Amino acid sequence: IMETATKIQDLSPYLAQTGPAKRNDKKTIKKHLKALESDHHK
């Protein structure tokens, strides 16, 4: 959490974005959705 907040002191939020959605990692996204038990969280 702290590193994410610190990073945008020097980078734009656009450039700082990482993660499965950014890299279009469909396999990981499907795993995450399957692991989430709450429809609200899904």
PDB file of all heavy atoms in Angstrom:
ATOM      1  N   ILE A   1       0.838  -1.203   0.000  1.00  0.00           N
ATOM      2  CA  ILE A   1       0.000   0.000   0.000  1.00  0.00           C
ATOM      3  C   ILE A   1       0.872   1.251   0.000  1.00  0.00           C
ATOM      4  O   ILE A   1       0.643   2.203  -0.761  1.00  0.00           O
ATOM      5  CB  ILE A   1      -0.952  -0.009   1.214  1.00  0.00           C
ATOM      6  CG1 ILE A   1      -1.993  -1.122   1.059  1.00  0.00           C
ATOM      7  CG2 ILE A   1      -1.639   1.345   1.375  1.00  0.00           C
ATOM      8  CD1 ILE A   1      -2.821  -1.381   2.312  1.00  0.00           C
ATOM      9  N   MET A   2       1.893   1.255   0.852  1.00  0.00           N
ATOM     10  CA  MET A   2       2.777   2.405   0.954  1.00  0.00           C
ATOM     11  C   MET A   2       3.584   2.608  -0.337  1.00  0.00           C
ATOM     12  O   MET A   2       3.760   3.744  -0.793  1.00  0.00           O
ATOM     13  CB  MET A   2       3.730   2.234   2.138  1.00  0.00           C
ATOM     14  CG  MET A   2       3.042   2.227   3.488  1.00  0.00           C
ATOM     15  SD  MET A   2       2.094   3.738   3.802  1.00  0.00           S
ATOM     16  CE  MET A   2       3.405   4.966   3.797  1.00  0.00           C
ATOM     17  N   GLU A   3       4.055   1.518  -0.935  1.00  0.00           N
ATOM     18  CA  GLU A   3       4.834   1.631  -2.166  1.00  0.00           C
ATOM     19  C   GLU A   3       3.978   2.170  -3.306  1.00  0.00           C
ATOM     20  O   GLU A   3       4.433   2.985  -4.119  1.00  0.00           O
ATOM     21  CB  GLU A   3       5.415   0.262  -2.548  1.00  0.00           C
ATOM     22  CG  GLU A   3       6.169   0.247  -3.871  1.00  0.00           C
ATOM     23  CD  GLU A   3       7.374   1.171  -3.906  1.00  0.00           C
ATOM     24  OE1 GLU A   3       7.898   1.534  -2.819  1.00  0.00           O
ATOM     25  OE2 GLU A   3       7.791   1.544  -5.016  1.00  0.00           O
ATOM     26  N   THR A   4       2.720   1.745  -3.374  1.00  0.00           N
ATOM     27  CA  THR A   4       1.815   2.234  -4.413  1.00  0.00           C
ATOM     28  C   THR A   4       1.601   3.734  -4.277  1.00  0.00           C
ATOM     29  O   THR A   4       1.625   4.474  -5.267  1.00  0.00           O
ATOM     30  CB  THR A   4       0.465   1.496  -4.338  1.00  0.00           C
ATOM     31  OG1 THR A   4       0.681   0.092  -4.473  1.00  0.00           O
ATOM     32  CG2 THR A   4      -0.475   1.964  -5.442  1.00  0.00           C
ATOM     33  N   ALA A   5       1.398   4.185  -3.031  1.00  0.00           N
ATOM     34  CA  ALA A   5       1.195   5.620  -2.790  1.00  0.00           C
ATOM     35  C   ALA A   5       2.462   6.414  -3.082  1.00  0.00           C
ATOM     36  O   ALA A   5       2.416   7.523  -3.623  1.00  0.00           O
ATOM     37  CB  ALA A   5       0.740   5.843  -1.353  1.00  0.00           C
ATOM     38  N   THR A   6       3.607   5.836  -2.733  1.00  0.00           N
ATOM     39  CA  THR A   6       4.885   6.524  -2.944  1.00  0.00           C
ATOM     40  C   THR A   6       5.209   6.638  -4.431  1.00  0.00           C
ATOM     41  O   THR A   6       5.740   7.652  -4.894  1.00  0.00           O
ATOM     42  CB  THR A   6       6.021   5.770  -2.217  1.00  0.00           C
ATOM     43  OG1 THR A   6       5.731   5.729  -0.823  1.00  0.00           O
ATOM     44  CG2 THR A   6       7.353   6.457  -2.432  1.00  0.00           C
ATOM     45  N   LYS A   7       4.876   5.612  -5.179  1.00  0.00           N
ATOM     46  CA  LYS A   7       5.246   5.544  -6.593  1.00  0.00           C
ATOM     47  C   LYS A   7       4.646   6.688  -7.406  1.00  0.00           C
ATOM     48  O   LYS A   7       5.285   7.216  -8.318  1.00  0.00           O
ATOM     49  CB  LYS A   7       4.820   4.186  -7.154  1.00  0.00           C
ATOM     50  CG  LYS A   7       5.364   3.881  -8.523  1.00  0.00           C
ATOM     51  CD  LYS A   7       5.359   2.389  -8.820  1.00  0.00           C
ATOM     52  CE  LYS A   7       4.026   1.724  -8.644  1.00  0.00           C
ATOM     53  NZ  LYS A   7       4.033   0.324  -9.107  1.00  0.00           N
ATOM     54  N   ILE A   8       3.415   7.092  -7.075  1.00  0.00           N
ATOM     55  CA  ILE A   8       2.782   8.139  -7.872  1.00  0.00           C
ATOM     56  C   ILE A   8       3.275   9.539  -7.511  1.00  0.00           C
ATOM     57  O   ILE A   8       2.805  10.527  -8.086  1.00  0.00           O
ATOM     58  CB  ILE A   8       1.238   8.077  -7.776  1.00  0.00           C
ATOM     59  CG1 ILE A   8       0.757   8.300  -6.348  1.00  0.00           C
ATOM     60  CG2 ILE A   8       0.710   6.775  -8.351  1.00  0.00           C
ATOM     61  CD1 ILE A   8      -0.730   8.602  -6.275  1.00  0.00           C
ATOM     62  N   GLN A   9       4.231   9.619  -6.581  1.00  0.00           N
ATOM     63  CA  GLN A   9       4.888  10.902  -6.353  1.00  0.00           C
ATOM     64  C   GLN A   9       5.780  11.236  -7.548  1.00  0.00           C
ATOM     65  O   GLN A   9       6.052  12.407  -7.824  1.00  0.00           O
ATOM     66  CB  GLN A   9       5.731  10.868  -5.069  1.00  0.00           C
ATOM     67  CG  GLN A   9       4.961  10.498  -3.812  1.00  0.00           C
ATOM     68  CD  GLN A   9       3.796  11.419  -3.534  1.00  0.00           C
ATOM     69  OE1 GLN A   9       3.919  12.642  -3.620  1.00  0.00           O
ATOM     70  NE2 GLN A   9       2.658  10.842  -3.199  1.00  0.00           N
ATOM     71  N   ASP A  10       6.259  10.212  -8.241  1.00  0.00           N
ATOM     72  CA  ASP A  10       7.179  10.408  -9.368  1.00  0.00           C
ATOM     73  C   ASP A  10       6.613   9.949 -10.707  1.00  0.00           C
ATOM     74  O   ASP A  10       7.067  10.387 -11.758  1.00  0.00           O
ATOM     75  CB  ASP A  10       8.495   9.664  -9.107  1.00  0.00           C
ATOM     76  CG  ASP A  10       9.189  10.133  -7.841  1.00  0.00           C
ATOM     77  OD1 ASP A  10       9.347  11.353  -7.688  1.00  0.00           O
ATOM     78  OD2 ASP A  10       9.547   9.285  -7.012  1.00  0.00           O
ATOM     79  N   LEU A  11       5.630   9.063 -10.671  1.00  0.00           N
ATOM     80  CA  LEU A  11       5.016   8.559 -11.895  1.00  0.00           C
ATOM     81  C   LEU A  11       3.549   8.966 -11.945  1.00  0.00           C
ATOM     82  O   LEU A  11       2.904   9.126 -10.908  1.00  0.00           O
ATOM     83  CB  LEU A  11       5.089   7.025 -11.943  1.00  0.00           C
ATOM     84  CG  LEU A  11       6.455   6.365 -12.119  1.00  0.00           C
ATOM     85  CD1 LEU A  11       6.296   4.851 -12.034  1.00  0.00           C
ATOM     86  CD2 LEU A  11       7.078   6.759 -13.450  1.00  0.00           C
ATOM     87  N   SER A  12       3.014   9.092 -13.146  1.00  0.00           N
ATOM     88  CA  SER A  12       1.572   9.302 -13.269  1.00  0.00           C
ATOM     89  C   SER A  12       0.864   8.005 -12.897  1.00  0.00           C
ATOM     90  O   SER A  12       1.440   6.915 -13.054  1.00  0.00           O
ATOM     91  CB  SER A  12       1.210   9.690 -14.701  1.00  0.00           C
ATOM     92  OG  SER A  12       1.353   8.575 -15.565  1.00  0.00           O
ATOM     93  N   PRO A  13      -0.373   8.066 -12.415  1.00  0.00           N
ATOM     94  CA  PRO A  13      -1.109   6.830 -12.123  1.00  0.00           C
ATOM     95  C   PRO A  13      -1.195   5.907 -13.339  1.00  0.00           C
ATOM     96  O   PRO A  13      -1.184   4.689 -13.196  1.00  0.00           O
ATOM     97  CB  PRO A  13      -2.497   7.327 -11.699  1.00  0.00           C
ATOM     98  CG  PRO A  13      -2.242   8.682 -11.141  1.00  0.00           C
ATOM     99  CD  PRO A  13      -1.142   9.258 -11.987  1.00  0.00           C
ATOM    100  N   TYR A  14      -1.249   6.500 -14.525  1.00  0.00           N
ATOM    101  CA  TYR A  14      -1.307   5.691 -15.746  1.00  0.00           C
ATOM    102  C   TYR A  14      -0.053   4.830 -15.889  1.00  0.00           C
ATOM    103  O   TYR A  14      -0.139   3.619 -16.133  1.00  0.00           O
ATOM    104  CB  TYR A  14      -1.469   6.592 -16.966  1.00  0.00           C
ATOM    105  CG  TYR A  14      -1.518   5.844 -18.279  1.00  0.00           C
ATOM    106  CD1 TYR A  14      -2.727   5.346 -18.764  1.00  0.00           C
ATOM    107  CD2 TYR A  14      -0.364   5.625 -19.028  1.00  0.00           C
ATOM    108  CE1 TYR A  14      -2.780   4.640 -19.971  1.00  0.00           C
ATOM    109  CE2 TYR A  14      -0.411   4.927 -20.225  1.00  0.00           C
ATOM    110  CZ  TYR A  14      -1.614   4.441 -20.692  1.00  0.00           C
ATOM    111  OH  TYR A  14      -1.661   3.736 -21.872  1.00  0.00           O
ATOM    112  N   LEU A  15       1.111   5.438 -15.714  1.00  0.00           N
ATOM    113  CA  LEU A  15       2.363   4.703 -15.866  1.00  0.00           C
ATOM    114  C   LEU A  15       2.629   3.754 -14.703  1.00  0.00           C
ATOM    115  O   LEU A  15       3.352   2.771 -14.853  1.00  0.00           O
ATOM    116  CB  LEU A  15       3.534   5.687 -16.005  1.00  0.00           C
ATOM    117  CG  LEU A  15       3.565   6.511 -17.293  1.00  0.00           C
ATOM    118  CD1 LEU A  15       4.712   7.512 -17.248  1.00  0.00           C
ATOM    119  CD2 LEU A  15       3.689   5.600 -18.524  1.00  0.00           C
ATOM    120  N   ALA A  16       2.056   4.059 -13.550  1.00  0.00           N
ATOM    121  CA  ALA A  16       2.308   3.243 -12.363  1.00  0.00           C
ATOM    122  C   ALA A  16       1.462   1.971 -12.318  1.00  0.00           C
ATOM    123  O   ALA A  16       1.717   1.077 -11.510  1.00  0.00           O
ATOM    124  CB  ALA A  16       2.057   4.064 -11.099  1.00  0.00           C
ATOM    125  N   GLN A  17       0.479   1.863 -13.207  1.00  0.00           N
ATOM    126  CA  GLN A  17      -0.442   0.721 -13.155  1.00  0.00           C
ATOM    127  C   GLN A  17       0.268  -0.597 -13.460  1.00  0.00           C
ATOM    128  O   GLN A  17       1.056  -0.701 -14.395  1.00  0.00           O
ATOM    129  CB  GLN A  17      -1.573   0.923 -14.156  1.00  0.00           C
ATOM    130  CG  GLN A  17      -2.672  -0.144 -14.094  1.00  0.00           C
ATOM    131  CD  GLN A  17      -3.454  -0.054 -12.809  1.00  0.00           C
ATOM    132  OE1 GLN A  17      -4.039   0.974 -12.502  1.00  0.00           O
ATOM    133  NE2 GLN A  17      -3.476  -1.132 -12.048  1.00  0.00           N
ATOM    134  N   THR A  18       0.003  -1.602 -12.642  1.00  0.00           N
ATOM    135  CA  THR A  18       0.497  -2.955 -12.876  1.00  0.00           C
ATOM    136  C   THR A  18      -0.661  -3.924 -12.652  1.00  0.00           C
ATOM    137  O   THR A  18      -1.789  -3.514 -12.390  1.00  0.00           O
ATOM    138  CB  THR A  18       1.653  -3.307 -11.912  1.00  0.00           C
ATOM    139  OG1 THR A  18       1.169  -3.222 -10.559  1.00  0.00           O
ATOM    140  CG2 THR A  18       2.827  -2.350 -12.086  1.00  0.00           C
ATOM    141  N   GLY A  19      -0.391  -5.223 -12.742  1.00  0.00           N
ATOM    142  CA  GLY A  19      -1.386  -6.222 -12.368  1.00  0.00           C
ATOM    143  C   GLY A  19      -1.979  -6.980 -13.527  1.00  0.00           C
ATOM    144  O   GLY A  19      -1.715  -6.684 -14.704  1.00  0.00           O
ATOM    145  N   PRO A  20      -2.791  -7.992 -13.237  1.00  0.00           N
ATOM    146  CA  PRO A  20      -3.329  -8.881 -14.281  1.00  0.00           C
ATOM    147  C   PRO A  20      -4.229  -8.171 -15.286  1.00  0.00           C
ATOM    148  O   PRO A  20      -4.225  -8.535 -16.462  1.00  0.00           O
ATOM    149  CB  PRO A  20      -4.106  -9.938 -13.477  1.00  0.00           C
ATOM    150  CG  PRO A  20      -4.321  -9.343 -12.126  1.00  0.00           C
ATOM    151  CD  PRO A  20      -3.175  -8.439 -11.883  1.00  0.00           C
ATOM    152  N   ALA A  21      -4.988  -7.160 -14.841  1.00  0.00           N
ATOM    153  CA  ALA A  21      -5.848  -6.459 -15.799  1.00  0.00           C
ATOM    154  C   ALA A  21      -5.010  -5.663 -16.794  1.00  0.00           C
ATOM    155  O   ALA A  21      -5.306  -5.646 -17.994  1.00  0.00           O
ATOM    156  CB  ALA A  21      -6.814  -5.537 -15.059  1.00  0.00           C
ATOM    157  N   LYS A  22      -3.953  -5.018 -16.311  1.00  0.00           N
ATOM    158  CA  LYS A  22      -3.073  -4.219 -17.178  1.00  0.00           C
ATOM    159  C   LYS A  22      -2.428  -5.115 -18.252  1.00  0.00           C
ATOM    160  O   LYS A  22      -2.338  -4.739 -19.418  1.00  0.00           O
ATOM    161  CB  LYS A  22      -2.001  -3.557 -16.308  1.00  0.00           C
ATOM    162  CG  LYS A  22      -0.774  -3.035 -17.053  1.00  0.00           C
ATOM    163  CD  LYS A  22      -1.065  -1.778 -17.849  1.00  0.00           C
ATOM    164  CE  LYS A  22       0.174  -1.308 -18.631  1.00  0.00           C
ATOM    165  NZ  LYS A  22       1.323  -0.985 -17.775  1.00  0.00           N
ATOM    166  N   ARG A  23      -1.976  -6.303 -17.851  1.00  0.00           N
ATOM    167  CA  ARG A  23      -1.289  -7.175 -18.813  1.00  0.00           C
ATOM    168  C   ARG A  23      -2.256  -8.162 -19.493  1.00  0.00           C
ATOM    169  O   ARG A  23      -1.829  -9.037 -20.244  1.00  0.00           O
ATOM    170  CB  ARG A  23      -0.153  -7.933 -18.134  1.00  0.00           C
ATOM    171  CG  ARG A  23      -0.532  -8.823 -16.979  1.00  0.00           C
ATOM    172  CD  ARG A  23       0.692  -9.509 -16.359  1.00  0.00           C
ATOM    173  NE  ARG A  23       0.306 -10.409 -15.289  1.00  0.00           N
ATOM    174  CZ  ARG A  23       0.291 -10.081 -14.006  1.00  0.00           C
ATOM    175  NH1 ARG A  23       0.658  -8.855 -13.633  1.00  0.00           N
ATOM    176  NH2 ARG A  23      -0.063 -10.951 -13.082  1.00  0.00           N
ATOM    177  N   ASN A  24      -3.540  -8.002 -19.209  1.00  0.00           N
ATOM    178  CA  ASN A  24      -4.589  -8.829 -19.816  1.00  0.00           C
ATOM    179  C   ASN A  24      -4.363 -10.316 -19.549  1.00  0.00           C
ATOM    180  O   ASN A  24      -4.490 -11.167 -20.431  1.00  0.00           O
ATOM    181  CB  ASN A  24      -4.684  -8.575 -21.319  1.00  0.00           C
ATOM    182  CG  ASN A  24      -6.021  -9.021 -21.887  1.00  0.00           C
ATOM    183  OD1 ASN A  24      -7.027  -9.034 -21.179  1.00  0.00           O
ATOM    184  ND2 ASN A  24      -6.046  -9.392 -23.150  1.00  0.00           N
ATOM    185  N   ASP A  25      -4.054 -10.620 -18.283  1.00  0.00           N
ATOM    186  CA  ASP A  25      -3.785 -11.995 -17.859  1.00  0.00           C
ATOM    187  C   ASP A  25      -5.124 -12.664 -17.517  1.00  0.00           C
ATOM    188  O   ASP A  25      -5.553 -12.710 -16.360  1.00  0.00           O
ATOM    189  CB  ASP A  25      -2.851 -11.963 -16.645  1.00  0.00           C
ATOM    190  CG  ASP A  25      -2.457 -13.348 -16.165  1.00  0.00           C
ATOM    191  OD1 ASP A  25      -3.056 -14.339 -16.629  1.00  0.00           O
ATOM    192  OD2 ASP A  25      -1.567 -13.433 -15.296  1.00  0.00           O
ATOM    193  N   LYS A  26      -5.773 -13.193 -18.539  1.00  0.00           N
ATOM    194  CA  LYS A  26      -7.117 -13.750 -18.381  1.00  0.00           C
ATOM    195  C   LYS A  26      -7.147 -14.955 -17.447  1.00  0.00           C
ATOM    196  O   LYS A  26      -8.114 -15.163 -16.710  1.00  0.00           O
ATOM    197  CB  LYS A  26      -7.692 -14.126 -19.742  1.00  0.00           C
ATOM    198  CG  LYS A  26      -7.911 -12.930 -20.656  1.00  0.00           C
ATOM    199  CD  LYS A  26      -8.450 -13.358 -22.011  1.00  0.00           C
ATOM    200  CE  LYS A  26      -8.641 -12.169 -22.925  1.00  0.00           C
ATOM    201  NZ  LYS A  26      -9.138 -12.567 -24.273  1.00  0.00           N
ATOM    202  N   LYS A  27      -6.097 -15.750 -17.483  1.00  0.00           N
ATOM    203  CA  LYS A  27      -6.040 -16.948 -16.628  1.00  0.00           C
ATOM    204  C   LYS A  27      -6.075 -16.559 -15.150  1.00  0.00           C
ATOM    205  O   LYS A  27      -6.827 -17.137 -14.358  1.00  0.00           O
ATOM    206  CB  LYS A  27      -4.779 -17.744 -16.943  1.00  0.00           C
ATOM    207  CG  LYS A  27      -4.701 -19.091 -16.238  1.00  0.00           C
ATOM    208  CD  LYS A  27      -3.484 -19.873 -16.710  1.00  0.00           C
ATOM    209  CE  LYS A  27      -3.413 -21.241 -16.026  1.00  0.00           C
ATOM    210  NZ  LYS A  27      -2.231 -22.023 -16.493  1.00  0.00           N
ATOM    211  N   THR A  28      -5.267 -15.569 -14.770  1.00  0.00           N
ATOM    212  CA  THR A  28      -5.237 -15.124 -13.377  1.00  0.00           C
ATOM    213  C   THR A  28      -6.547 -14.462 -12.991  1.00  0.00           C
ATOM    214  O   THR A  28      -7.066 -14.671 -11.884  1.00  0.00           O
ATOM    215  CB  THR A  28      -4.063 -14.146 -13.155  1.00  0.00           C
ATOM    216  OG1 THR A  28      -2.843 -14.833 -13.401  1.00  0.00           O
ATOM    217  CG2 THR A  28      -4.063 -13.613 -11.740  1.00  0.00           C
ATOM    218  N   ILE A  29      -7.096 -13.667 -13.890  1.00  0.00           N
ATOM    219  CA  ILE A  29      -8.370 -12.988 -13.619  1.00  0.00           C
ATOM    220  C   ILE A  29      -9.468 -14.022 -13.327  1.00  0.00           C
ATOM    221  O   ILE A  29     -10.246 -13.873 -12.379  1.00  0.00           O
ATOM    222  CB  ILE A  29      -8.758 -12.093 -14.799  1.00  0.00           C
ATOM    223  CG1 ILE A  29      -7.796 -10.896 -14.891  1.00  0.00           C
ATOM    224  CG2 ILE A  29     -10.199 -11.588 -14.663  1.00  0.00           C
ATOM    225  CD1 ILE A  29      -7.908 -10.101 -16.179  1.00  0.00           C
ATOM    226  N   LYS A  30      -9.514 -15.083 -14.132  1.00  0.00           N
ATOM    227  CA  LYS A  30     -10.522 -16.136 -13.914  1.00  0.00           C
ATOM    228  C   LYS A  30     -10.317 -16.827 -12.574  1.00  0.00           C
ATOM    229  O   LYS A  30     -11.280 -17.133 -11.858  1.00  0.00           O
ATOM    230  CB  LYS A  30     -10.457 -17.158 -15.051  1.00  0.00           C
ATOM    231  CG  LYS A  30     -11.056 -16.674 -16.362  1.00  0.00           C
ATOM    232  CD  LYS A  30     -10.987 -17.773 -17.424  1.00  0.00           C
ATOM    233  CE  LYS A  30     -11.648 -17.332 -18.712  1.00  0.00           C
ATOM    234  NZ  LYS A  30     -11.581 -18.392 -19.760  1.00  0.00           N
ATOM    235  N   LYS A  31      -9.070 -17.073 -12.209  1.00  0.00           N
ATOM    236  CA  LYS A  31      -8.770 -17.696 -10.915  1.00  0.00           C
ATOM    237  C   LYS A  31      -9.244 -16.812  -9.762  1.00  0.00           C
ATOM    238  O   LYS A  31      -9.811 -17.287  -8.770  1.00  0.00           O
ATOM    239  CB  LYS A  31      -7.270 -17.946 -10.787  1.00  0.00           C
ATOM    240  CG  LYS A  31      -6.747 -19.131 -11.565  1.00  0.00           C
ATOM    241  CD  LYS A  31      -5.247 -19.315 -11.325  1.00  0.00           C
ATOM    242  CE  LYS A  31      -4.706 -20.528 -12.072  1.00  0.00           C
ATOM    243  NZ  LYS A  31      -3.241 -20.699 -11.844  1.00  0.00           N
ATOM    244  N   HIS A  32      -8.976 -15.506  -9.884  1.00  0.00           N
ATOM    245  CA  HIS A  32      -9.392 -14.575  -8.826  1.00  0.00           C
ATOM    246  C   HIS A  32     -10.911 -14.558  -8.672  1.00  0.00           C
ATOM    247  O   HIS A  32     -11.436 -14.586  -7.560  1.00  0.00           O
ATOM    248  CB  HIS A  32      -8.883 -13.168  -9.147  1.00  0.00           C
ATOM    249  CG  HIS A  32      -7.413 -13.002  -8.923  1.00  0.00           C
ATOM    250  ND1 HIS A  32      -6.723 -11.887  -9.321  1.00  0.00           N
ATOM    251  CD2 HIS A  32      -6.492 -13.818  -8.335  1.00  0.00           C
ATOM    252  CE1 HIS A  32      -5.446 -12.008  -8.987  1.00  0.00           C
ATOM    253  NE2 HIS A  32      -5.281 -13.178  -8.389  1.00  0.00           N
ATOM    254  N   LEU A  33     -11.603 -14.493  -9.792  1.00  0.00           N
ATOM    255  CA  LEU A  33     -13.063 -14.457  -9.727  1.00  0.00           C
ATOM    256  C   LEU A  33     -13.624 -15.738  -9.118  1.00  0.00           C
ATOM    257  O   LEU A  33     -14.599 -15.712  -8.360  1.00  0.00           O
ATOM    258  CB  LEU A  33     -13.640 -14.240 -11.135  1.00  0.00           C
ATOM    259  CG  LEU A  33     -13.495 -12.816 -11.677  1.00  0.00           C
ATOM    260  CD1 LEU A  33     -13.813 -12.761 -13.163  1.00  0.00           C
ATOM    261  CD2 LEU A  33     -14.402 -11.852 -10.908  1.00  0.00           C
ATOM    262  N   LYS A  34     -12.999 -16.869  -9.444  1.00  0.00           N
ATOM    263  CA  LYS A  34     -13.443 -18.142  -8.871  1.00  0.00           C
ATOM    264  C   LYS A  34     -13.196 -18.198  -7.369  1.00  0.00           C
ATOM    265  O   LYS A  34     -13.979 -18.771  -6.609  1.00  0.00           O
ATOM    266  CB  LYS A  34     -12.726 -19.307  -9.555  1.00  0.00           C
ATOM    267  CG  LYS A  34     -13.236 -20.677  -9.143  1.00  0.00           C
ATOM    268  CD  LYS A  34     -12.549 -21.791  -9.936  1.00  0.00           C
ATOM    269  CE  LYS A  34     -13.088 -23.158  -9.505  1.00  0.00           C
ATOM    270  NZ  LYS A  34     -12.422 -24.260 -10.253  1.00  0.00           N
ATOM    271  N   ALA A  35     -12.089 -17.560  -6.942  1.00  0.00           N
ATOM    272  CA  ALA A  35     -11.733 -17.596  -5.519  1.00  0.00           C
ATOM    273  C   ALA A  35     -12.606 -16.684  -4.668  1.00  0.00           C
ATOM    274  O   ALA A  35     -12.763 -16.917  -3.470  1.00  0.00           O
ATOM    275  CB  ALA A  35     -10.265 -17.206  -5.352  1.00  0.00           C
ATOM    276  N   LEU A  36     -13.176 -15.636  -5.281  1.00  0.00           N
ATOM    277  CA  LEU A  36     -13.999 -14.693  -4.519  1.00  0.00           C
ATOM    278  C   LEU A  36     -15.355 -15.317  -4.194  1.00  0.00           C
ATOM    279  O   LEU A  36     -16.082 -15.759  -5.078  1.00  0.00           O
ATOM    280  CB  LEU A  36     -14.197 -13.396  -5.312  1.00  0.00           C
ATOM    281  CG  LEU A  36     -12.960 -12.509  -5.446  1.00  0.00           C
ATOM    282  CD1 LEU A  36     -13.211 -11.400  -6.465  1.00  0.00           C
ATOM    283  CD2 LEU A  36     -12.574 -11.907  -4.095  1.00  0.00           C
ATOM    284  N   GLU A  37     -15.684 -15.358  -2.915  1.00  0.00           N
ATOM    285  CA  GLU A  37     -16.943 -15.970  -2.487  1.00  0.00           C
ATOM    286  C   GLU A  37     -18.109 -14.993  -2.517  1.00  0.00           C
ATOM    287  O   GLU A  37     -19.263 -15.396  -2.633  1.00  0.00           O
ATOM    288  CB  GLU A  37     -16.779 -16.547  -1.079  1.00  0.00           C
ATOM    289  CG  GLU A  37     -15.746 -17.668  -1.006  1.00  0.00           C
ATOM    290  CD  GLU A  37     -15.607 -18.237   0.389  1.00  0.00           C
ATOM    291  OE1 GLU A  37     -16.252 -17.701   1.306  1.00  0.00           O
ATOM    292  OE2 GLU A  37     -14.861 -19.218   0.554  1.00  0.00           O
ATOM    293  N   SER A  38     -17.817 -13.706  -2.379  1.00  0.00           N
ATOM    294  CA  SER A  38     -18.874 -12.690  -2.321  1.00  0.00           C
ATOM    295  C   SER A  38     -19.179 -12.159  -3.720  1.00  0.00           C
ATOM    296  O   SER A  38     -18.284 -11.728  -4.451  1.00  0.00           O
ATOM    297  CB  SER A  38     -18.419 -11.533  -1.420  1.00  0.00           C
ATOM    298  OG  SER A  38     -19.242 -10.394  -1.600  1.00  0.00           O
ATOM    299  N   ASP A  39     -20.459 -12.187  -4.096  1.00  0.00           N
ATOM    300  CA  ASP A  39     -20.872 -11.608  -5.370  1.00  0.00           C
ATOM    301  C   ASP A  39     -20.551 -10.115  -5.424  1.00  0.00           C
ATOM    302  O   ASP A  39     -20.242  -9.562  -6.484  1.00  0.00           O
ATOM    303  CB  ASP A  39     -22.368 -11.816  -5.595  1.00  0.00           C
ATOM    304  CG  ASP A  39     -22.697 -13.247  -6.001  1.00  0.00           C
ATOM    305  OD1 ASP A  39     -21.751 -13.987  -6.360  1.00  0.00           O
ATOM    306  OD2 ASP A  39     -23.883 -13.630  -5.963  1.00  0.00           O
ATOM    307  N   HIS A  40     -20.649  -9.460  -4.279  1.00  0.00           N
ATOM    308  CA  HIS A  40     -20.328  -8.030  -4.187  1.00  0.00           C
ATOM    309  C   HIS A  40     -18.859  -7.790  -4.542  1.00  0.00           C
ATOM    310  O   HIS A  40     -18.526  -6.901  -5.334  1.00  0.00           O
ATOM    311  CB  HIS A  40     -20.628  -7.539  -2.768  1.00  0.00           C
ATOM    312  CG  HIS A  40     -20.253  -6.112  -2.515  1.00  0.00           C
ATOM    313  ND1 HIS A  40     -20.789  -5.073  -3.223  1.00  0.00           N
ATOM    314  CD2 HIS A  40     -19.381  -5.565  -1.626  1.00  0.00           C
ATOM    315  CE1 HIS A  40     -20.270  -3.931  -2.790  1.00  0.00           C
ATOM    316  NE2 HIS A  40     -19.416  -4.211  -1.821  1.00  0.00           N
ATOM    317  N   HIS A  41     -17.979  -8.624  -3.990  1.00  0.00           N
ATOM    318  CA  HIS A  41     -16.554  -8.500  -4.292  1.00  0.00           C
ATOM    319  C   HIS A  41     -16.277  -8.843  -5.759  1.00  0.00           C
ATOM    320  O   HIS A  41     -15.431  -8.204  -6.400  1.00  0.00           O
ATOM    321  CB  HIS A  41     -15.735  -9.416  -3.385  1.00  0.00           C
ATOM    322  CG  HIS A  41     -15.774  -9.009  -1.943  1.00  0.00           C
ATOM    323  ND1 HIS A  41     -15.274  -9.803  -0.927  1.00  0.00           N
ATOM    324  CD2 HIS A  41     -16.246  -7.891  -1.346  1.00  0.00           C
ATOM    325  CE1 HIS A  41     -15.449  -9.193   0.233  1.00  0.00           C
ATOM    326  NE2 HIS A  41     -16.040  -8.040   0.004  1.00  0.00           N
ATOM    327  N   LYS A  42     -16.969  -9.835  -6.282  1.00  0.00           N
ATOM    328  CA  LYS A  42     -16.824 -10.200  -7.695  1.00  0.00           C
ATOM    329  C   LYS A  42     -17.174  -9.007  -8.593  1.00  0.00           C
ATOM    330  O   LYS A  42     -16.468  -8.704  -9.562  1.00  0.00           O
ATOM    331  CB  LYS A  42     -17.733 -11.377  -8.040  1.00  0.00           C
ATOM    332  CG  LYS A  42     -17.224 -12.755  -7.622  1.00  0.00           C
ATOM    333  CD  LYS A  42     -18.202 -13.813  -8.118  1.00  0.00           C
ATOM    334  CE  LYS A  42     -17.649 -15.227  -7.957  1.00  0.00           C
ATOM    335  NZ  LYS A  42     -17.578 -15.666  -6.558  1.00  0.00           N
TER     336      LYS A  42
END
